[in-house]
Protein backbone atom coordinates (compact mmCIF):
# COMPACT_ATOMS: atom_id res chain seq x y z
CA MET A 1 -11.12 -8.14 5.56
CA LYS A 2 -9.69 -9.87 9.17
CA PRO A 3 -6.92 -8.12 9.94
CA ILE A 4 -3.13 -9.93 10.34
CA LYS A 5 -0.61 -8.87 13.55
CA ILE A 6 2.50 -9.77 12.66
CA GLY A 7 4.79 -8.25 16.06
CA ASN A 8 3.14 -4.64 17.25
CA LYS A 9 2.42 -4.07 13.42
CA THR A 10 -1.54 -4.66 11.99
CA ILE A 11 -2.08 -5.10 8.53
CA GLY A 12 -5.10 -4.83 6.52
CA ASP A 13 -7.73 -2.07 5.36
CA GLY A 14 -7.87 0.84 7.46
CA ASN A 15 -3.98 0.12 9.21
CA PRO A 16 -1.30 1.82 7.99
CA CYS A 17 0.68 0.10 5.01
CA CYS A 18 3.42 -2.02 6.39
CA PHE A 19 6.74 -1.34 4.63
CA MET A 20 9.25 -4.49 4.45
CA ALA A 21 12.77 -3.78 3.04
CA GLU A 22 14.62 -6.46 1.57
CA ILE A 23 17.81 -6.31 2.00
CA GLY A 24 18.60 -9.94 1.55
CA GLY A 25 21.04 -9.38 -1.33
CA ASN A 26 22.61 -5.88 -0.32
CA TYR A 27 25.20 -6.64 2.36
CA LYS A 28 28.22 -9.28 2.41
CA ASP A 29 28.92 -9.16 6.03
CA PHE A 30 27.39 -8.05 9.76
CA ASN A 31 28.74 -4.55 9.57
CA GLU A 32 27.52 -3.83 6.49
CA ALA A 33 23.64 -5.55 7.32
CA LYS A 34 23.93 -3.22 10.61
CA ILE A 35 24.05 -0.31 8.52
CA LEU A 36 21.75 -1.36 6.08
CA ILE A 37 19.25 -1.82 9.44
CA ASP A 38 19.82 1.11 10.93
CA SER A 39 19.31 3.45 7.71
CA ALA A 40 15.83 1.26 7.11
CA LYS A 41 15.37 1.94 10.54
CA ARG A 42 15.54 6.18 10.06
CA ALA A 43 13.62 5.54 6.82
CA GLY A 44 10.37 4.06 9.18
CA VAL A 45 10.01 1.06 7.50
CA ASP A 46 8.40 -1.48 9.66
CA VAL A 47 10.15 -5.18 9.45
CA ILE A 48 14.02 -6.26 7.94
CA LYS A 49 13.48 -9.33 5.83
CA PHE A 50 16.31 -11.76 5.12
CA GLN A 51 16.85 -14.74 2.77
CA THR A 52 17.78 -17.89 4.87
CA PHE A 53 19.18 -20.29 2.02
CA GLU A 54 21.91 -22.51 1.17
CA ALA A 55 22.85 -23.19 -2.69
CA ASP A 56 22.77 -26.67 -2.39
CA THR A 57 19.19 -27.32 -1.58
CA MET A 58 18.25 -24.31 -3.25
CA THR A 59 19.45 -25.15 -6.71
CA THR A 60 21.74 -28.49 -7.92
CA LYS A 61 25.20 -28.36 -9.12
CA ASN A 62 24.24 -29.40 -12.44
CA ASN A 63 22.31 -25.87 -12.81
CA GLY A 64 25.55 -24.33 -13.41
CA ASN A 65 25.24 -20.71 -13.22
CA GLN A 66 22.76 -20.31 -10.26
CA TYR A 67 24.33 -22.54 -8.35
CA ARG A 68 27.72 -20.32 -8.41
CA PHE A 69 25.80 -17.11 -7.78
CA PHE A 70 23.93 -18.61 -5.06
CA LYS A 71 27.29 -20.11 -3.11
CA LYS A 72 29.02 -16.84 -3.81
CA ILE A 73 26.07 -15.22 -1.74
CA GLU A 74 24.66 -17.69 0.97
CA PRO A 75 24.52 -15.96 4.12
CA GLY A 76 26.24 -17.31 7.13
CA LYS A 77 23.99 -18.53 10.50
CA LEU A 78 25.62 -16.58 12.67
CA VAL A 79 25.88 -13.85 10.35
CA GLN A 80 21.97 -14.24 9.89
CA ARG A 81 21.22 -14.60 13.80
CA LEU A 82 23.22 -11.06 14.26
CA LEU A 83 21.13 -9.09 12.20
CA HIS A 84 17.80 -10.77 13.34
CA GLU A 85 19.06 -9.81 16.50
CA HIS A 86 20.38 -6.47 15.67
CA SER A 87 16.70 -5.91 14.18
CA ILE A 88 14.72 -6.58 17.03
CA ASP A 89 17.50 -4.63 19.05
CA GLN A 90 15.93 -1.09 16.62
CA GLY A 91 12.50 -1.50 17.08
CA LEU A 92 11.80 -3.36 14.02
CA ILE A 93 10.22 -6.98 13.21
CA SER A 94 12.23 -9.35 11.49
CA ILE A 95 11.40 -11.93 9.52
CA THR A 96 12.93 -14.52 6.99
CA ALA A 97 12.15 -15.95 3.87
CA PRO A 98 13.21 -19.99 3.41
CA SER A 99 14.46 -21.36 0.57
CA HIS A 100 14.05 -24.83 1.49
CA MET A 101 11.88 -27.30 3.93
CA LYS A 102 15.81 -27.40 5.61
CA ASP A 103 16.16 -24.41 6.30
CA LEU A 104 12.89 -24.05 9.21
CA ASP A 105 15.05 -25.11 12.13
CA PHE A 106 17.40 -22.80 11.62
CA ILE A 107 14.70 -20.46 11.01
CA ASP A 108 12.27 -21.77 14.29
CA SER A 109 15.90 -20.95 16.22
CA LEU A 110 15.20 -17.26 15.63
CA ASN A 111 12.16 -17.14 16.64
CA PRO A 112 10.12 -14.86 13.98
CA PRO A 113 6.70 -13.60 14.21
CA ALA A 114 5.82 -14.72 11.11
CA TYR A 115 7.08 -16.61 7.67
CA LYS A 116 7.82 -14.75 4.43
CA ILE A 117 7.46 -17.13 1.55
CA GLY A 118 8.93 -16.26 -2.17
CA SER A 119 7.19 -16.57 -4.84
CA ASP A 120 9.74 -19.52 -5.92
CA LEU A 121 8.34 -21.26 -3.28
CA ALA A 122 5.01 -20.07 -3.55
CA CYS A 123 3.51 -23.34 -5.20
CA HIS A 124 5.43 -26.08 -2.17
CA ILE A 125 2.69 -26.92 -0.62
CA PRO A 126 4.54 -29.34 1.77
CA LEU A 127 6.69 -26.65 2.88
CA LEU A 128 3.56 -24.13 3.06
CA LYS A 129 1.96 -27.19 4.96
CA LYS A 130 4.75 -27.57 7.52
CA ILE A 131 4.96 -24.10 7.53
CA ALA A 132 1.23 -23.50 7.54
CA ARG A 133 1.77 -26.11 11.06
CA ILE A 134 3.76 -23.46 13.38
CA GLY A 135 0.51 -21.16 13.36
CA LYS A 136 2.04 -18.24 12.43
CA PRO A 137 1.22 -15.08 10.06
CA ILE A 138 2.69 -16.01 6.49
CA ILE A 139 3.30 -13.97 4.15
CA LEU A 140 2.87 -15.36 0.38
CA SER A 141 4.70 -13.41 -2.83
CA THR A 142 2.94 -14.77 -5.86
CA GLY A 143 5.21 -14.51 -8.96
CA MET A 144 4.85 -16.31 -11.56
CA CYS A 145 1.65 -17.68 -10.71
CA GLY A 146 -2.11 -17.74 -11.62
CA ILE A 147 -5.53 -17.66 -9.59
CA GLY A 148 -5.31 -20.62 -8.93
CA GLU A 149 -2.37 -21.80 -8.13
CA ILE A 150 -3.19 -19.14 -5.44
CA ASN A 151 -6.02 -20.76 -4.35
CA ALA A 152 -4.38 -23.60 -4.24
CA SER A 153 -1.52 -22.65 -1.53
CA ILE A 154 -4.28 -20.67 0.25
CA LYS A 155 -6.48 -23.93 0.56
CA ALA A 156 -3.61 -25.67 1.66
CA ILE A 157 -2.27 -23.32 4.26
CA LYS A 158 -6.24 -22.74 5.78
CA LYS A 159 -6.78 -26.87 5.60
CA GLU A 160 -3.75 -26.78 8.18
CA GLY A 161 -6.12 -24.77 10.44
CA ASN A 162 -4.42 -21.28 9.80
CA GLU A 163 -5.99 -18.45 8.18
CA ASN A 164 -3.24 -15.53 8.98
CA ILE A 165 -1.89 -15.10 5.32
CA ILE A 166 -1.37 -12.43 3.69
CA LEU A 167 -0.61 -12.02 0.25
CA LEU A 168 1.75 -9.87 -2.02
CA HIS A 169 1.54 -8.88 -5.44
CA CYS A 170 5.01 -9.79 -7.49
CA ILE A 171 6.26 -10.19 -10.77
CA SER A 172 9.19 -12.34 -10.30
CA ASN A 173 11.67 -10.54 -13.02
CA TYR A 174 14.67 -8.30 -11.86
CA PRO A 175 14.27 -5.31 -12.57
CA ALA A 176 9.99 -5.54 -13.30
CA LYS A 177 8.69 -4.51 -16.90
CA ILE A 178 6.32 -1.60 -16.35
CA GLU A 179 3.79 -2.96 -18.81
CA GLU A 180 4.05 -6.38 -17.22
CA THR A 181 3.28 -4.56 -13.58
CA ASN A 182 -0.72 -5.80 -13.41
CA LEU A 183 -1.26 -3.19 -10.66
CA LYS A 184 -5.09 -3.41 -10.66
CA VAL A 185 -4.75 -7.41 -9.80
CA ILE A 186 -4.51 -5.71 -6.10
CA PRO A 187 -8.11 -4.87 -5.33
CA LEU A 188 -8.76 -7.79 -7.75
CA LEU A 189 -6.97 -10.30 -4.93
CA LYS A 190 -8.31 -8.60 -2.18
CA ARG A 191 -12.58 -9.16 -3.83
CA MET A 192 -10.55 -13.05 -4.27
CA PHE A 193 -9.79 -14.23 -1.14
CA ASP A 194 -10.63 -11.29 1.67
CA LEU A 195 -7.15 -11.13 2.67
CA PRO A 196 -4.97 -8.51 3.29
CA VAL A 197 -2.76 -8.10 0.23
CA GLY A 198 0.52 -6.08 0.06
CA PHE A 199 3.03 -5.43 -3.71
CA SER A 200 6.82 -6.88 -3.67
CA ASP A 201 7.86 -4.09 -5.74
CA HIS A 202 10.84 -5.19 -8.40
CA SER A 203 10.59 -1.89 -10.30
CA ILE A 204 13.40 0.40 -10.68
CA GLY A 205 12.12 3.52 -8.93
CA SER A 206 9.54 4.53 -6.39
CA GLU A 207 6.63 4.94 -8.72
CA MET A 208 4.78 1.64 -8.56
CA SER A 209 5.17 1.46 -4.81
CA ILE A 210 3.09 4.79 -4.31
CA ALA A 211 0.47 3.56 -7.19
CA ALA A 212 -0.01 0.49 -5.47
CA ILE A 213 -0.61 2.36 -2.18
CA ALA A 214 -2.98 4.21 -3.92
CA LEU A 215 -5.03 1.30 -5.02
CA GLY A 216 -5.00 -0.20 -1.19
CA ALA A 217 -1.96 -2.07 -0.92
CA ASN A 218 -2.02 -2.83 2.59
CA MET A 219 1.86 -3.68 2.20
CA ILE A 220 5.34 -2.52 0.55
CA GLU A 221 8.16 -5.13 0.05
CA ARG A 222 11.13 -3.29 -1.69
CA HIS A 223 14.33 -4.30 -1.78
CA PHE A 224 16.66 -1.90 0.48
CA CYS A 225 20.31 -0.64 0.08
CA ASN A 226 23.08 1.91 1.34
CA GLU A 227 22.46 4.18 -1.50
CA HIS A 228 26.16 5.33 -0.74
CA THR A 229 28.06 2.09 -1.90
CA GLN A 230 26.29 1.39 -4.46
CA HIS A 231 26.76 -2.59 -4.34
CA GLY A 232 24.92 -5.21 -4.29
CA SER A 233 23.15 -7.82 -6.13
CA ASP A 234 19.53 -6.14 -6.07
CA TYR A 235 21.09 -2.25 -6.29
CA ILE A 236 19.08 -2.05 -9.79
CA ILE A 237 15.98 -2.41 -7.97
CA SER A 238 16.59 -1.07 -4.31
CA SER A 239 15.67 2.09 -3.26
CA GLY A 240 18.14 3.88 -0.65
CA GLU A 241 16.98 5.88 3.50
CA LEU A 242 15.89 9.30 1.55
CA GLY A 243 13.94 6.48 -1.44
CA TYR A 244 12.38 4.66 1.10
CA GLN A 245 11.37 8.01 2.98
CA HIS A 246 10.12 9.30 -0.19
CA ILE A 247 7.49 6.60 -1.19
CA ILE A 248 6.36 6.22 3.18
CA SER A 249 5.81 9.78 3.17
CA ILE A 250 3.51 10.08 0.06
CA ALA A 251 1.65 6.89 1.10
CA ARG A 252 0.65 8.76 5.09
CA LYS A 253 -1.17 11.33 2.71
CA LEU A 254 -1.93 8.77 0.85
CA GLU A 255 -3.84 6.84 3.73
CA ILE A 256 -5.46 9.88 4.98
CA ALA A 257 -6.79 11.69 1.49
CA LEU A 258 -7.96 7.43 0.58
CA SER A 259 -9.69 7.22 4.15
CA LYS A 260 -13.29 8.60 3.75
CA GLY A 261 -13.97 5.50 1.24
CA MET A 262 -16.46 5.52 -1.86
CA ILE A 263 -18.69 8.31 -0.68
CA LYS A 264 -19.47 12.01 -2.45
CA GLU A 265 -20.08 15.00 -0.48
CA PRO A 266 -18.61 18.50 0.00
CA SER A 267 -15.99 18.79 2.17
CA LYS A 268 -16.23 20.88 5.36
CA THR A 269 -14.15 23.62 3.87
CA GLU A 270 -15.95 23.20 0.45
CA LEU A 271 -19.34 23.77 2.40
CA GLU A 272 -17.32 26.73 3.59
CA ASN A 273 -16.09 27.53 0.14
CA LEU A 274 -20.02 27.38 -1.16
CA LYS A 275 -20.59 30.61 0.42
CA THR A 276 -18.34 32.57 -1.94
CA ASN A 277 -17.10 30.10 -5.08
CA ARG A 278 -20.61 28.76 -6.56
CA VAL A 279 -23.01 30.93 -7.36
CA SER A 280 -26.66 31.62 -6.69
CA ILE A 281 -29.31 33.58 -8.15
CA ILE A 282 -29.10 37.14 -7.74
CA ALA A 283 -31.50 40.51 -8.11
CA MET A 284 -30.00 42.78 -10.79
CA LYS A 285 -32.05 45.43 -10.07
CA ASP A 286 -34.56 46.88 -7.35
CA ILE A 287 -37.21 45.23 -7.09
CA SER A 288 -40.59 46.37 -4.97
CA LYS A 289 -42.64 44.00 -3.04
CA GLY A 290 -45.59 42.67 -4.98
CA THR A 291 -43.46 42.69 -8.34
CA MET A 292 -43.65 39.21 -10.28
CA ILE A 293 -40.12 37.93 -10.90
CA SER A 294 -39.45 38.13 -14.97
CA GLY A 295 -35.31 37.53 -16.11
CA ASP A 296 -34.59 40.54 -16.76
CA MET A 297 -34.50 41.08 -12.81
CA ILE A 298 -31.95 38.05 -11.64
CA ASP A 299 -28.85 36.80 -13.14
CA ILE A 300 -26.73 33.95 -11.96
CA ARG A 301 -24.06 34.92 -10.22
CA ARG A 302 -20.99 34.34 -7.40
CA PRO A 303 -21.89 34.25 -4.04
CA GLY A 304 -23.50 31.41 -3.42
CA THR A 305 -26.03 32.21 -0.39
CA GLY A 306 -28.98 32.97 -2.79
CA LEU A 307 -31.49 30.65 -4.30
CA ALA A 308 -29.58 27.08 -6.52
CA PRO A 309 -29.19 27.96 -10.14
CA SER A 310 -31.27 24.82 -10.90
CA ILE A 311 -34.95 26.53 -10.22
CA PHE A 312 -34.12 29.71 -12.15
CA ASP A 313 -36.70 29.04 -14.06
CA ALA A 314 -39.34 27.92 -11.75
CA LEU A 315 -39.12 31.41 -10.14
CA ILE A 316 -40.16 33.06 -12.94
CA GLY A 317 -43.52 34.56 -12.49
CA ASN A 318 -43.94 34.33 -8.71
CA LYS A 319 -44.40 37.03 -6.57
CA VAL A 320 -42.38 38.64 -4.17
CA ILE A 321 -43.76 39.49 -0.30
CA LYS A 322 -40.51 42.29 0.30
CA ASP A 323 -38.90 44.52 -1.23
CA ILE A 324 -35.54 43.55 -2.64
CA LYS A 325 -32.39 45.68 -3.41
CA LYS A 326 -30.17 45.12 -6.44
CA GLU A 327 -27.16 42.76 -6.21
CA THR A 328 -28.92 40.57 -3.13
CA PRO A 329 -29.07 36.90 -3.56
CA LEU A 330 -32.37 35.47 -3.42
CA GLN A 331 -34.08 33.96 -0.87
CA TRP A 332 -37.29 31.47 -0.23
CA GLU A 333 -38.61 33.66 2.12
CA MET A 334 -38.65 36.85 -0.35
CA PHE A 335 -41.72 34.72 -1.93
CA GLN A 336 -45.04 34.31 -1.60
């Protein structure tokens, strides 16, 4: 797998999981966004992500409920620019997700290090091609997509000469149902496309993000909220500062626990514990030089410093070449 560099963050196997905080639906103005950004910084996230859209290009006026909803929450350009700049000032990577071709001119003016494509646009081939030609990494959410659609989108991006793609497994439901989460798709997508794969988590609670990390997710995107105000259109599927800290803390422990790969061998401390916590073959009585070993002379007990239990039967009938005291772990040099 080729790792993908976004800003100062390298994303891919062998690198720490990258955390992206989506704040798009949880602020009303720059002051609220600033509080979220500062809180996300304290939580330890790597990337701030917001959304660039206008109701008039995102949907049609005939699509009544959605149009009115998006019109109510559409972010102003000045607010987006200010939160982008503030995120950078805080040492965070800042990116946004377009909803229409017309959003790209504004996003280009921000000069983000990568482009995020939401699941709603995952099959928007003309948009993907245009963004691909910019040459920056593309983070592609795959909610509502089948494998064939994902493959077609990846091919379209690569055909434009851009191979810097990060896939995000995603369930496009708010909140996502646990029984639909299907996290085993994460290693499947890695094997199929040889790309970094993350998880865009819309579930309630932290468990699914943690499970995704254990399955090898290279990036976690999760909505971020202010735990004190408890408002915002995405609040129910969001984590606040403490929730994110919890996920990130567990992620770092999991990364250490998973770092050795698929190798089964005793650890350094286990090799020490073998001496005391394993069993071996022990003399259960004084045995004189020249004696032939019989079953009643030996037993299998701790410590583990003697011969392995697997050769217990093979020792029967062997002659000892030195005196052995009772409760001594047996060694090869004691036999002929």
